Full PDB file with SEQRES, HELIX, SHEET, SSBOND, CRYST1, ORIGX, SCALE, CONECT and MASTER records, all heavy atoms in Angstrom:
SEQRES   1 A   30  VAL LEU VAL VAL ALA SER VAL LEU ILE TRP ILE VAL LEU          
SEQRES   2 A   30  ALA SER THR GLY ILE PHE ALA THR LEU ASP LYS THR LEU          
SEQRES   3 A   30  GLN ASP ILE LEU                                              
HELIX    1 AA1 LEU A    2  THR A   16  1                                  15    
HELIX    2 AA2 ILE A   18  ILE A   29  1                                  12    
CRYST1    1.000    1.000    1.000  90.00  90.00  90.00 P 1           1          
ORIGX1      1.000000  0.000000  0.000000        0.00000                         
ORIGX2      0.000000  1.000000  0.000000        0.00000                         
ORIGX3      0.000000  0.000000  1.000000        0.00000                         
SCALE1      1.000000  0.000000  0.000000        0.00000                         
SCALE2      0.000000  1.000000  0.000000        0.00000                         
SCALE3      0.000000  0.000000  1.000000        0.00000                         
ATOM      1  N   VAL A   1     179.241  73.636 120.584  1.00  0.00           N  
ATOM      2  CA  VAL A   1     178.105  73.396 119.689  1.00  0.00           C  
ATOM      3  C   VAL A   1     176.875  72.984 120.493  1.00  0.00           C  
ATOM      4  O   VAL A   1     175.755  73.438 120.212  1.00  0.00           O  
ATOM      5  CB  VAL A   1     178.472  72.321 118.641  1.00  0.00           C  
ATOM      6  CG1 VAL A   1     177.248  71.838 117.899  1.00  0.00           C  
ATOM      7  CG2 VAL A   1     179.495  72.865 117.674  1.00  0.00           C  
ATOM      8  N   LEU A   2     177.051  72.158 121.514  1.00  0.00           N  
ATOM      9  CA  LEU A   2     175.938  71.718 122.349  1.00  0.00           C  
ATOM     10  C   LEU A   2     175.281  72.888 123.063  1.00  0.00           C  
ATOM     11  O   LEU A   2     174.050  73.006 123.079  1.00  0.00           O  
ATOM     12  CB  LEU A   2     176.415  70.678 123.364  1.00  0.00           C  
ATOM     13  CG  LEU A   2     175.382  70.235 124.399  1.00  0.00           C  
ATOM     14  CD1 LEU A   2     174.320  69.373 123.735  1.00  0.00           C  
ATOM     15  CD2 LEU A   2     176.037  69.508 125.540  1.00  0.00           C  
ATOM     16  N   VAL A   3     176.084  73.768 123.653  1.00  0.00           N  
ATOM     17  CA  VAL A   3     175.529  74.910 124.392  1.00  0.00           C  
ATOM     18  C   VAL A   3     174.791  75.851 123.443  1.00  0.00           C  
ATOM     19  O   VAL A   3     173.657  76.270 123.716  1.00  0.00           O  
ATOM     20  CB  VAL A   3     176.652  75.654 125.165  1.00  0.00           C  
ATOM     21  CG1 VAL A   3     176.137  76.946 125.751  1.00  0.00           C  
ATOM     22  CG2 VAL A   3     177.222  74.764 126.250  1.00  0.00           C  
ATOM     23  N   VAL A   4     175.409  76.175 122.333  1.00  0.00           N  
ATOM     24  CA  VAL A   4     174.778  77.102 121.389  1.00  0.00           C  
ATOM     25  C   VAL A   4     173.504  76.492 120.806  1.00  0.00           C  
ATOM     26  O   VAL A   4     172.474  77.170 120.700  1.00  0.00           O  
ATOM     27  CB  VAL A   4     175.784  77.483 120.271  1.00  0.00           C  
ATOM     28  CG1 VAL A   4     175.102  78.234 119.160  1.00  0.00           C  
ATOM     29  CG2 VAL A   4     176.916  78.310 120.852  1.00  0.00           C  
ATOM     30  N   ALA A   5     173.552  75.204 120.461  1.00  0.00           N  
ATOM     31  CA  ALA A   5     172.376  74.562 119.878  1.00  0.00           C  
ATOM     32  C   ALA A   5     171.224  74.482 120.872  1.00  0.00           C  
ATOM     33  O   ALA A   5     170.069  74.730 120.500  1.00  0.00           O  
ATOM     34  CB  ALA A   5     172.737  73.168 119.385  1.00  0.00           C  
ATOM     35  N   SER A   6     171.504  74.167 122.120  1.00  0.00           N  
ATOM     36  CA  SER A   6     170.420  74.062 123.094  1.00  0.00           C  
ATOM     37  C   SER A   6     169.785  75.420 123.372  1.00  0.00           C  
ATOM     38  O   SER A   6     168.556  75.515 123.498  1.00  0.00           O  
ATOM     39  CB  SER A   6     170.918  73.416 124.385  1.00  0.00           C  
ATOM     40  OG  SER A   6     171.913  74.224 124.974  1.00  0.00           O  
ATOM     41  N   VAL A   7     170.578  76.471 123.438  1.00  0.00           N  
ATOM     42  CA  VAL A   7     170.017  77.806 123.645  1.00  0.00           C  
ATOM     43  C   VAL A   7     169.215  78.241 122.419  1.00  0.00           C  
ATOM     44  O   VAL A   7     168.113  78.803 122.549  1.00  0.00           O  
ATOM     45  CB  VAL A   7     171.137  78.821 123.988  1.00  0.00           C  
ATOM     46  CG1 VAL A   7     170.620  80.238 123.957  1.00  0.00           C  
ATOM     47  CG2 VAL A   7     171.725  78.504 125.354  1.00  0.00           C  
ATOM     48  N   LEU A   8     169.723  77.974 121.230  1.00  0.00           N  
ATOM     49  CA  LEU A   8     168.982  78.340 120.020  1.00  0.00           C  
ATOM     50  C   LEU A   8     167.679  77.560 119.894  1.00  0.00           C  
ATOM     51  O   LEU A   8     166.655  78.123 119.475  1.00  0.00           O  
ATOM     52  CB  LEU A   8     169.846  78.119 118.781  1.00  0.00           C  
ATOM     53  CG  LEU A   8     170.950  79.150 118.548  1.00  0.00           C  
ATOM     54  CD1 LEU A   8     171.766  78.774 117.326  1.00  0.00           C  
ATOM     55  CD2 LEU A   8     170.378  80.533 118.401  1.00  0.00           C  
ATOM     56  N   ILE A   9     167.685  76.291 120.242  1.00  0.00           N  
ATOM     57  CA  ILE A   9     166.450  75.503 120.202  1.00  0.00           C  
ATOM     58  C   ILE A   9     165.443  76.055 121.197  1.00  0.00           C  
ATOM     59  O   ILE A   9     164.246  76.156 120.896  1.00  0.00           O  
ATOM     60  CB  ILE A   9     166.754  74.011 120.446  1.00  0.00           C  
ATOM     61  CG1 ILE A   9     167.460  73.427 119.237  1.00  0.00           C  
ATOM     62  CG2 ILE A   9     165.484  73.226 120.747  1.00  0.00           C  
ATOM     63  CD1 ILE A   9     167.976  72.022 119.430  1.00  0.00           C  
ATOM     64  N   TRP A  10     165.905  76.453 122.397  1.00  0.00           N  
ATOM     65  CA  TRP A  10     164.996  77.038 123.375  1.00  0.00           C  
ATOM     66  C   TRP A  10     164.399  78.339 122.840  1.00  0.00           C  
ATOM     67  O   TRP A  10     163.202  78.592 123.007  1.00  0.00           O  
ATOM     68  CB  TRP A  10     165.719  77.300 124.696  1.00  0.00           C  
ATOM     69  CG  TRP A  10     164.767  77.689 125.784  1.00  0.00           C  
ATOM     70  CD1 TRP A  10     164.192  76.860 126.684  1.00  0.00           C  
ATOM     71  CD2 TRP A  10     164.270  79.005 126.065  1.00  0.00           C  
ATOM     72  NE1 TRP A  10     163.368  77.571 127.504  1.00  0.00           N  
ATOM     73  CE2 TRP A  10     163.392  78.891 127.151  1.00  0.00           C  
ATOM     74  CE3 TRP A  10     164.477  80.249 125.506  1.00  0.00           C  
ATOM     75  CZ2 TRP A  10     162.732  79.977 127.701  1.00  0.00           C  
ATOM     76  CZ3 TRP A  10     163.815  81.342 126.041  1.00  0.00           C  
ATOM     77  CH2 TRP A  10     162.959  81.208 127.121  1.00  0.00           C  
ATOM     78  N   ILE A  11     165.216  79.156 122.198  1.00  0.00           N  
ATOM     79  CA  ILE A  11     164.723  80.426 121.649  1.00  0.00           C  
ATOM     80  C   ILE A  11     163.691  80.178 120.551  1.00  0.00           C  
ATOM     81  O   ILE A  11     162.650  80.852 120.498  1.00  0.00           O  
ATOM     82  CB  ILE A  11     165.907  81.276 121.132  1.00  0.00           C  
ATOM     83  CG1 ILE A  11     166.726  81.793 122.306  1.00  0.00           C  
ATOM     84  CG2 ILE A  11     165.417  82.433 120.283  1.00  0.00           C  
ATOM     85  CD1 ILE A  11     168.019  82.456 121.908  1.00  0.00           C  
ATOM     86  N   VAL A  12     163.947  79.200 119.700  1.00  0.00           N  
ATOM     87  CA  VAL A  12     162.990  78.879 118.638  1.00  0.00           C  
ATOM     88  C   VAL A  12     161.680  78.367 119.228  1.00  0.00           C  
ATOM     89  O   VAL A  12     160.583  78.767 118.799  1.00  0.00           O  
ATOM     90  CB  VAL A  12     163.598  77.862 117.647  1.00  0.00           C  
ATOM     91  CG1 VAL A  12     162.539  77.278 116.733  1.00  0.00           C  
ATOM     92  CG2 VAL A  12     164.700  78.512 116.846  1.00  0.00           C  
ATOM     93  N   LEU A  13     161.759  77.493 120.221  1.00  0.00           N  
ATOM     94  CA  LEU A  13     160.547  76.980 120.850  1.00  0.00           C  
ATOM     95  C   LEU A  13     159.770  78.085 121.552  1.00  0.00           C  
ATOM     96  O   LEU A  13     158.536  78.095 121.521  1.00  0.00           O  
ATOM     97  CB  LEU A  13     160.894  75.857 121.829  1.00  0.00           C  
ATOM     98  CG  LEU A  13     161.380  74.549 121.226  1.00  0.00           C  
ATOM     99  CD1 LEU A  13     161.759  73.573 122.330  1.00  0.00           C  
ATOM    100  CD2 LEU A  13     160.338  73.952 120.318  1.00  0.00           C  
ATOM    101  N   ALA A  14     160.475  79.011 122.182  1.00  0.00           N  
ATOM    102  CA  ALA A  14     159.792  80.107 122.872  1.00  0.00           C  
ATOM    103  C   ALA A  14     159.153  81.067 121.875  1.00  0.00           C  
ATOM    104  O   ALA A  14     158.044  81.566 122.106  1.00  0.00           O  
ATOM    105  CB  ALA A  14     160.767  80.850 123.772  1.00  0.00           C  
ATOM    106  N   SER A  15     159.823  81.335 120.764  1.00  0.00           N  
ATOM    107  CA  SER A  15     159.285  82.303 119.810  1.00  0.00           C  
ATOM    108  C   SER A  15     158.132  81.737 118.987  1.00  0.00           C  
ATOM    109  O   SER A  15     157.305  82.488 118.490  1.00  0.00           O  
ATOM    110  CB  SER A  15     160.396  82.805 118.884  1.00  0.00           C  
ATOM    111  OG  SER A  15     160.871  81.752 118.092  1.00  0.00           O  
ATOM    112  N   THR A  16     158.072  80.419 118.830  1.00  0.00           N  
ATOM    113  CA  THR A  16     156.972  79.834 118.068  1.00  0.00           C  
ATOM    114  C   THR A  16     155.740  79.567 118.915  1.00  0.00           C  
ATOM    115  O   THR A  16     154.699  79.195 118.374  1.00  0.00           O  
ATOM    116  CB  THR A  16     157.403  78.519 117.399  1.00  0.00           C  
ATOM    117  OG1 THR A  16     157.896  77.634 118.395  1.00  0.00           O  
ATOM    118  CG2 THR A  16     158.449  78.759 116.337  1.00  0.00           C  
ATOM    119  N   GLY A  17     155.832  79.735 120.210  1.00  0.00           N  
ATOM    120  CA  GLY A  17     154.670  79.566 121.070  1.00  0.00           C  
ATOM    121  C   GLY A  17     154.449  78.149 121.544  1.00  0.00           C  
ATOM    122  O   GLY A  17     153.363  77.821 122.028  1.00  0.00           O  
ATOM    123  N   ILE A  18     155.449  77.303 121.427  1.00  0.00           N  
ATOM    124  CA  ILE A  18     155.313  75.913 121.883  1.00  0.00           C  
ATOM    125  C   ILE A  18     155.142  75.860 123.395  1.00  0.00           C  
ATOM    126  O   ILE A  18     154.341  75.076 123.906  1.00  0.00           O  
ATOM    127  CB  ILE A  18     156.539  75.087 121.451  1.00  0.00           C  
ATOM    128  CG1 ILE A  18     156.674  75.051 119.943  1.00  0.00           C  
ATOM    129  CG2 ILE A  18     156.509  73.690 122.037  1.00  0.00           C  
ATOM    130  CD1 ILE A  18     155.592  74.293 119.239  1.00  0.00           C  
ATOM    131  N   PHE A  19     155.855  76.711 124.117  1.00  0.00           N  
ATOM    132  CA  PHE A  19     155.766  76.693 125.573  1.00  0.00           C  
ATOM    133  C   PHE A  19     154.380  77.128 126.046  1.00  0.00           C  
ATOM    134  O   PHE A  19     153.849  76.587 127.019  1.00  0.00           O  
ATOM    135  CB  PHE A  19     156.841  77.581 126.191  1.00  0.00           C  
ATOM    136  CG  PHE A  19     158.232  77.023 126.038  1.00  0.00           C  
ATOM    137  CD1 PHE A  19     159.299  77.855 125.789  1.00  0.00           C  
ATOM    138  CD2 PHE A  19     158.483  75.670 126.164  1.00  0.00           C  
ATOM    139  CE1 PHE A  19     160.583  77.354 125.652  1.00  0.00           C  
ATOM    140  CE2 PHE A  19     159.759  75.162 126.032  1.00  0.00           C  
ATOM    141  CZ  PHE A  19     160.814  76.000 125.773  1.00  0.00           C  
ATOM    142  N   ALA A  20     153.767  78.090 125.382  1.00  0.00           N  
ATOM    143  CA  ALA A  20     152.418  78.527 125.763  1.00  0.00           C  
ATOM    144  C   ALA A  20     151.409  77.406 125.523  1.00  0.00           C  
ATOM    145  O   ALA A  20     150.521  77.173 126.355  1.00  0.00           O  
ATOM    146  CB  ALA A  20     152.033  79.771 124.980  1.00  0.00           C  
ATOM    147  N   THR A  21     151.545  76.709 124.405  1.00  0.00           N  
ATOM    148  CA  THR A  21     150.648  75.586 124.118  1.00  0.00           C  
ATOM    149  C   THR A  21     150.852  74.460 125.120  1.00  0.00           C  
ATOM    150  O   THR A  21     149.884  73.854 125.597  1.00  0.00           O  
ATOM    151  CB  THR A  21     150.903  75.060 122.691  1.00  0.00           C  
ATOM    152  OG1 THR A  21     150.817  76.145 121.778  1.00  0.00           O  
ATOM    153  CG2 THR A  21     149.917  73.981 122.316  1.00  0.00           C  
ATOM    154  N   LEU A  22     152.105  74.196 125.448  1.00  0.00           N  
ATOM    155  CA  LEU A  22     152.413  73.165 126.426  1.00  0.00           C  
ATOM    156  C   LEU A  22     151.906  73.561 127.804  1.00  0.00           C  
ATOM    157  O   LEU A  22     151.409  72.715 128.567  1.00  0.00           O  
ATOM    158  CB  LEU A  22     153.923  72.901 126.449  1.00  0.00           C  
ATOM    159  CG  LEU A  22     154.410  71.665 127.165  1.00  0.00           C  
ATOM    160  CD1 LEU A  22     153.785  70.415 126.573  1.00  0.00           C  
ATOM    161  CD2 LEU A  22     155.915  71.571 127.086  1.00  0.00           C  
ATOM    162  N   ASP A  23     152.000  74.840 128.159  1.00  0.00           N  
ATOM    163  CA  ASP A  23     151.454  75.329 129.432  1.00  0.00           C  
ATOM    164  C   ASP A  23     149.948  75.078 129.505  1.00  0.00           C  
ATOM    165  O   ASP A  23     149.434  74.614 130.524  1.00  0.00           O  
ATOM    166  CB  ASP A  23     151.724  76.827 129.602  1.00  0.00           C  
ATOM    167  CG  ASP A  23     153.139  77.113 130.050  1.00  0.00           C  
ATOM    168  OD1 ASP A  23     153.799  76.191 130.546  1.00  0.00           O  
ATOM    169  OD2 ASP A  23     153.571  78.276 129.906  1.00  0.00           O  
ATOM    170  N   LYS A  24     149.239  75.414 128.448  1.00  0.00           N  
ATOM    171  CA  LYS A  24     147.796  75.230 128.427  1.00  0.00           C  
ATOM    172  C   LYS A  24     147.428  73.760 128.549  1.00  0.00           C  
ATOM    173  O   LYS A  24     146.526  73.390 129.299  1.00  0.00           O  
ATOM    174  CB  LYS A  24     147.201  75.823 127.156  1.00  0.00           C  
ATOM    175  CG  LYS A  24     145.693  75.775 127.104  1.00  0.00           C  
ATOM    176  CD  LYS A  24     145.178  76.523 125.922  1.00  0.00           C  
ATOM    177  CE  LYS A  24     143.676  76.526 125.804  1.00  0.00           C  
ATOM    178  NZ  LYS A  24     142.900  75.707 126.627  1.00  0.00           N  
ATOM    179  N   THR A  25     148.151  72.893 127.831  1.00  0.00           N  
ATOM    180  CA  THR A  25     147.873  71.467 127.893  1.00  0.00           C  
ATOM    181  C   THR A  25     148.145  70.908 129.284  1.00  0.00           C  
ATOM    182  O   THR A  25     147.341  70.145 129.833  1.00  0.00           O  
ATOM    183  CB  THR A  25     148.734  70.712 126.861  1.00  0.00           C  
ATOM    184  OG1 THR A  25     148.504  71.276 125.576  1.00  0.00           O  
ATOM    185  CG2 THR A  25     148.414  69.237 126.848  1.00  0.00           C  
ATOM    186  N   LEU A  26     149.260  71.294 129.874  1.00  0.00           N  
ATOM    187  CA  LEU A  26     149.594  70.801 131.214  1.00  0.00           C  
ATOM    188  C   LEU A  26     148.673  71.381 132.278  1.00  0.00           C  
ATOM    189  O   LEU A  26     148.386  70.725 133.282  1.00  0.00           O  
ATOM    190  CB  LEU A  26     151.053  71.099 131.534  1.00  0.00           C  
ATOM    191  CG  LEU A  26     152.075  70.265 130.757  1.00  0.00           C  
ATOM    192  CD1 LEU A  26     153.489  70.725 131.075  1.00  0.00           C  
ATOM    193  CD2 LEU A  26     151.922  68.794 131.055  1.00  0.00           C  
ATOM    194  N   GLN A  27     148.187  72.602 132.106  1.00  0.00           N  
ATOM    195  CA  GLN A  27     147.226  73.173 133.050  1.00  0.00           C  
ATOM    196  C   GLN A  27     145.901  72.422 133.001  1.00  0.00           C  
ATOM    197  O   GLN A  27     145.255  72.225 134.029  1.00  0.00           O  
ATOM    198  CB  GLN A  27     147.001  74.654 132.753  1.00  0.00           C  
ATOM    199  CG  GLN A  27     148.142  75.537 133.171  1.00  0.00           C  
ATOM    200  CD  GLN A  27     147.986  76.962 132.679  1.00  0.00           C  
ATOM    201  OE1 GLN A  27     147.021  77.304 132.020  1.00  0.00           O  
ATOM    202  NE2 GLN A  27     148.965  77.804 133.015  1.00  0.00           N  
ATOM    203  N   ASP A  28     145.510  71.978 131.806  1.00  0.00           N  
ATOM    204  CA  ASP A  28     144.283  71.191 131.684  1.00  0.00           C  
ATOM    205  C   ASP A  28     144.445  69.815 132.320  1.00  0.00           C  
ATOM    206  O   ASP A  28     143.515  69.300 132.950  1.00  0.00           O  
ATOM    207  CB  ASP A  28     143.900  71.024 130.211  1.00  0.00           C  
ATOM    208  CG  ASP A  28     143.462  72.325 129.579  1.00  0.00           C  
ATOM    209  OD1 ASP A  28     143.118  73.267 130.332  1.00  0.00           O  
ATOM    210  OD2 ASP A  28     143.474  72.411 128.326  1.00  0.00           O  
ATOM    211  N   ILE A  29     145.612  69.214 132.162  1.00  0.00           N  
ATOM    212  CA  ILE A  29     145.841  67.872 132.711  1.00  0.00           C  
ATOM    213  C   ILE A  29     146.021  67.929 134.223  1.00  0.00           C  
ATOM    214  O   ILE A  29     145.425  67.144 134.960  1.00  0.00           O  
ATOM    215  CB  ILE A  29     147.073  67.224 132.049  1.00  0.00           C  
ATOM    216  CG1 ILE A  29     146.790  66.934 130.588  1.00  0.00           C  
ATOM    217  CG2 ILE A  29     147.473  65.942 132.767  1.00  0.00           C  
ATOM    218  CD1 ILE A  29     148.001  66.455 129.812  1.00  0.00           C  
ATOM    219  N   LEU A  30     146.846  68.853 134.699  1.00  0.00           N  
ATOM    220  CA  LEU A  30     147.194  68.907 136.115  1.00  0.00           C  
ATOM    221  C   LEU A  30     146.207  69.724 136.947  1.00  0.00           C  
ATOM    222  O   LEU A  30     146.281  69.703 138.171  1.00  0.00           O  
ATOM    223  CB  LEU A  30     148.600  69.482 136.284  1.00  0.00           C  
ATOM    224  CG  LEU A  30     149.738  68.699 135.626  1.00  0.00           C  
ATOM    225  CD1 LEU A  30     151.049  69.442 135.778  1.00  0.00           C  
ATOM    226  CD2 LEU A  30     149.843  67.319 136.230  1.00  0.00           C  
TER     227      LEU A  30                                                      
MASTER        0    0    0    2    0    0    0    6  226    1    0    3          
END                                                                             
């Protein structure tokens, strides 16, 4: 359950664009 849930959460975060928003925020900070 842990492995499947973590992979599914990563897929949901990637498909909703959270990583792109986080990339932009971290690029501005760093």
